[in-house]
Amino acid sequence: TYSELNKKANRLARYLKSLGVGVADFAGILLTRTPDMYIAMLGILKAGAAYIPIDPKYPAERVHFILNNCNAKILVSTSGCINKLTGLSCLTFLMDKDKENLDIQSPLNLAVSETKVKSGDTAYVIYTSGTTGAPKGVIISHFAVCNLVRVEGNIFGVKQEDKVFQGFSIAFDASIEEIWLAFYSGATIFV
């Protein structure tokens, strides 16, 4: 439920903040499309940081490049997704192995004063395919995402009783149209 998702995201946000993750920090997400992926997205944003979506199918070299290029403070993943990576230059949090660190955190919403996020701050960074050279990070602000989602919500008219198909990898910008449209309207995400 949205209530469960919110509580788990709040716990992750509080844990990330306890590690010093916040505004102006970047946090990689290397997860398959499970509830943990959505928890990670929301938890990182609630901590005040920006998320960097990384497809688990990417080769290790590309994952290292992205994390180093954006100077990621932390990578949120699972032991199954991270097993091909060695020598990471950032902290890691494994949703499957480090779960006890979340369970002790408060599930209550964080106050705006705790996150300190402004509308012009970075919400996420999408990396291009790199077909014309090295992949480039494209910074997307909270304002831009909110504007897109509000307009999209008006155009599509999705309601709480609807289901929104979520088929794109989160490393592809079109996933925003699926995920955040569902969140905005309270609809069900069908993965």
Protein backbone atom coordinates (compact mmCIF):
# COMPACT_ATOMS: atom_id res chain seq x y z
CA THR A 1 0.00 0.00 0.00
CA TYR A 2 1.04 3.62 -0.25
CA SER A 3 1.08 3.75 3.55
CA GLU A 4 3.56 0.84 3.72
CA LEU A 5 5.66 2.33 0.92
CA ASN A 6 5.78 5.68 2.71
CA LYS A 7 6.80 4.15 6.05
CA LYS A 8 9.59 2.10 4.46
CA ALA A 9 10.82 5.10 2.46
CA ASN A 10 10.83 7.20 5.65
CA ARG A 11 12.91 4.55 7.43
CA LEU A 12 15.41 4.49 4.55
CA ALA A 13 15.54 8.29 4.45
CA ARG A 14 16.30 8.46 8.16
CA TYR A 15 19.00 5.83 7.86
CA LEU A 16 20.59 7.60 4.88
CA LYS A 17 20.54 10.89 6.82
CA SER A 18 22.27 9.13 9.73
CA LEU A 19 25.08 8.31 7.25
CA GLY A 20 25.30 11.98 6.28
CA VAL A 21 23.40 11.68 2.98
CA GLY A 22 21.40 14.82 2.19
CA VAL A 23 20.98 17.83 -0.11
CA ALA A 24 23.60 18.07 -2.89
CA ASP A 25 24.48 14.38 -2.49
CA PHE A 26 23.95 11.72 -5.13
CA ALA A 27 22.80 8.20 -4.34
CA GLY A 28 22.90 5.42 -6.90
CA ILE A 29 20.08 2.91 -7.19
CA LEU A 30 21.08 -0.48 -8.60
CA LEU A 31 17.94 -2.56 -8.10
CA THR A 32 15.53 -4.68 -10.10
CA ARG A 33 11.90 -3.61 -10.39
CA THR A 34 10.68 -4.74 -6.99
CA PRO A 35 9.11 -2.71 -4.18
CA ASP A 36 12.65 -2.02 -2.93
CA MET A 37 13.36 0.05 -6.05
CA TYR A 38 10.44 2.38 -5.35
CA ILE A 39 11.33 2.52 -1.64
CA ALA A 40 14.88 3.51 -2.60
CA MET A 41 13.72 6.26 -4.97
CA LEU A 42 11.44 7.80 -2.37
CA GLY A 43 13.82 7.26 0.54
CA ILE A 44 16.68 9.00 -1.25
CA LEU A 45 14.45 11.94 -2.18
CA LYS A 46 13.06 12.17 1.36
CA ALA A 47 16.64 12.27 2.69
CA GLY A 48 17.13 15.33 0.47
CA ALA A 49 19.56 13.67 -1.94
CA ALA A 50 19.21 13.03 -5.67
CA TYR A 51 18.97 9.51 -7.02
CA ILE A 52 20.96 8.06 -9.90
CA PRO A 53 19.04 5.19 -11.51
CA ILE A 54 21.33 2.41 -12.75
CA ASP A 55 20.11 -0.64 -14.67
CA PRO A 56 21.33 -3.91 -13.10
CA LYS A 57 22.02 -5.16 -16.65
CA TYR A 58 24.74 -2.53 -17.15
CA PRO A 59 28.30 -3.84 -17.31
CA ALA A 60 30.40 -3.21 -14.20
CA GLU A 61 32.54 -0.65 -16.04
CA ARG A 62 29.50 1.52 -16.82
CA VAL A 63 28.24 1.30 -13.23
CA HIS A 64 31.67 2.36 -11.93
CA PHE A 65 31.82 5.20 -14.45
CA ILE A 66 28.40 6.56 -13.42
CA LEU A 67 29.08 6.34 -9.68
CA ASN A 68 32.50 7.99 -10.06
CA ASN A 69 31.30 10.61 -12.54
CA CYS A 70 28.55 11.90 -10.25
CA ASN A 71 30.65 11.37 -7.12
CA ALA A 72 27.92 9.22 -5.57
CA LYS A 73 27.94 9.19 -1.79
CA ILE A 74 26.13 5.85 -1.57
CA LEU A 75 24.80 3.02 -3.72
CA VAL A 76 21.52 1.38 -2.69
CA SER A 77 21.37 -2.15 -4.03
CA THR A 78 21.00 -5.82 -3.07
CA SER A 79 23.62 -8.53 -2.74
CA GLY A 80 22.36 -10.10 -5.98
CA CYS A 81 22.67 -6.90 -8.00
CA ILE A 82 25.98 -5.71 -6.57
CA ASN A 83 27.82 -9.04 -6.73
CA LYS A 84 29.62 -8.14 -10.01
CA LEU A 85 31.02 -4.89 -8.57
CA THR A 86 34.27 -4.57 -6.68
CA GLY A 87 36.25 -1.61 -5.44
CA LEU A 88 33.38 0.87 -5.19
CA SER A 89 34.39 4.39 -4.18
CA CYS A 90 31.12 5.07 -2.32
CA LEU A 91 29.21 3.67 0.64
CA THR A 92 26.80 0.82 -0.06
CA PHE A 93 23.48 -0.09 1.49
CA LEU A 94 22.09 -3.54 0.64
CA MET A 95 18.31 -3.68 0.97
CA ASP A 96 18.39 -7.44 1.61
CA LYS A 97 21.38 -7.72 3.98
CA ASP A 98 21.24 -4.42 5.89
CA LYS A 99 17.49 -4.49 6.57
CA GLU A 100 17.93 -4.42 10.36
CA ASN A 101 19.31 -0.87 10.04
CA LEU A 102 15.96 0.21 8.58
CA ASP A 103 13.74 -1.61 11.05
CA ILE A 104 15.00 0.52 13.94
CA GLN A 105 14.29 3.83 12.17
CA SER A 106 11.12 5.84 12.69
CA PRO A 107 8.46 5.38 9.98
CA LEU A 108 7.14 8.93 10.50
CA ASN A 109 7.36 11.52 7.72
CA LEU A 110 10.38 13.79 7.76
CA ALA A 111 9.70 17.49 8.21
CA VAL A 112 10.72 19.88 5.43
CA SER A 113 13.23 21.34 7.90
CA GLU A 114 14.89 17.91 8.07
CA THR A 115 15.30 17.51 4.31
CA LYS A 116 15.98 21.16 3.39
CA VAL A 117 15.13 20.48 -0.27
CA LYS A 118 14.23 23.39 -2.55
CA SER A 119 12.38 23.15 -5.86
CA GLY A 120 15.52 23.97 -7.85
CA ASP A 121 17.55 21.18 -6.21
CA THR A 122 18.38 18.04 -8.16
CA ALA A 123 15.83 15.22 -7.90
CA TYR A 124 17.65 12.72 -10.10
CA VAL A 125 20.31 12.38 -12.77
CA ILE A 126 19.77 10.26 -15.89
CA TYR A 127 22.82 9.10 -17.78
CA THR A 128 22.72 9.06 -21.58
CA SER A 129 23.55 5.88 -23.49
CA GLY A 130 27.02 7.11 -24.34
CA THR A 131 26.76 6.06 -27.98
CA THR A 132 28.58 9.23 -29.08
CA GLY A 133 31.29 8.93 -26.42
CA ALA A 134 31.18 8.72 -22.62
CA PRO A 135 27.72 8.71 -20.98
CA LYS A 136 26.66 12.14 -19.75
CA GLY A 137 24.58 12.86 -16.68
CA VAL A 138 21.50 14.99 -17.26
CA ILE A 139 20.39 16.77 -14.08
CA ILE A 140 16.64 17.01 -13.47
CA SER A 141 15.30 19.34 -10.77
CA HIS A 142 12.36 18.76 -8.45
CA PHE A 143 10.57 21.64 -10.17
CA ALA A 144 10.91 20.00 -13.60
CA VAL A 145 9.65 16.62 -12.36
CA CYS A 146 6.70 18.19 -10.52
CA ASN A 147 5.78 20.22 -13.58
CA LEU A 148 5.89 17.14 -15.82
CA VAL A 149 3.84 15.03 -13.43
CA ARG A 150 1.16 17.68 -12.89
CA VAL A 151 0.72 18.26 -16.62
CA GLU A 152 0.80 14.53 -17.36
CA GLY A 153 -1.77 13.92 -14.61
CA ASN A 154 -4.11 16.46 -16.20
CA ILE A 155 -3.62 15.07 -19.72
CA PHE A 156 -4.05 11.39 -18.88
CA GLY A 157 -6.61 11.80 -16.11
CA VAL A 158 -5.37 8.76 -14.18
CA LYS A 159 -7.39 8.11 -11.05
CA GLN A 160 -6.79 6.19 -7.84
CA GLU A 161 -8.69 3.14 -9.10
CA ASP A 162 -6.52 2.89 -12.25
CA LYS A 163 -3.45 0.76 -12.88
CA VAL A 164 -0.34 2.21 -14.51
CA PHE A 165 1.99 -0.17 -16.36
CA GLN A 166 5.62 0.28 -15.34
CA GLY A 167 7.70 -1.32 -18.08
CA PHE A 168 10.69 0.96 -18.62
CA SER A 169 13.97 0.55 -16.76
CA ILE A 170 14.42 3.33 -14.21
CA ALA A 171 17.65 4.15 -16.04
CA PHE A 172 15.45 5.35 -18.94
CA ASP A 173 13.81 8.75 -18.44
CA ALA A 174 10.42 7.50 -19.71
CA SER A 175 10.06 5.53 -16.46
CA ILE A 176 9.34 8.85 -14.71
CA GLU A 177 6.13 9.14 -16.72
CA GLU A 178 5.01 5.75 -15.46
CA ILE A 179 6.15 5.78 -11.84
CA TRP A 180 5.40 9.36 -10.83
CA LEU A 181 2.09 9.47 -12.69
CA ALA A 182 0.94 6.55 -10.55
CA PHE A 183 2.30 8.16 -7.36
CA TYR A 184 0.68 11.50 -8.24
CA SER A 185 -2.75 9.99 -8.78
CA GLY A 186 -2.59 7.27 -6.12
CA ALA A 187 -3.01 4.59 -8.80
CA THR A 188 -1.57 1.10 -8.66
CA ILE A 189 1.78 0.48 -10.36
CA PHE A 190 1.69 -2.73 -12.37
CA VAL A 191 5.28 -3.91 -12.87
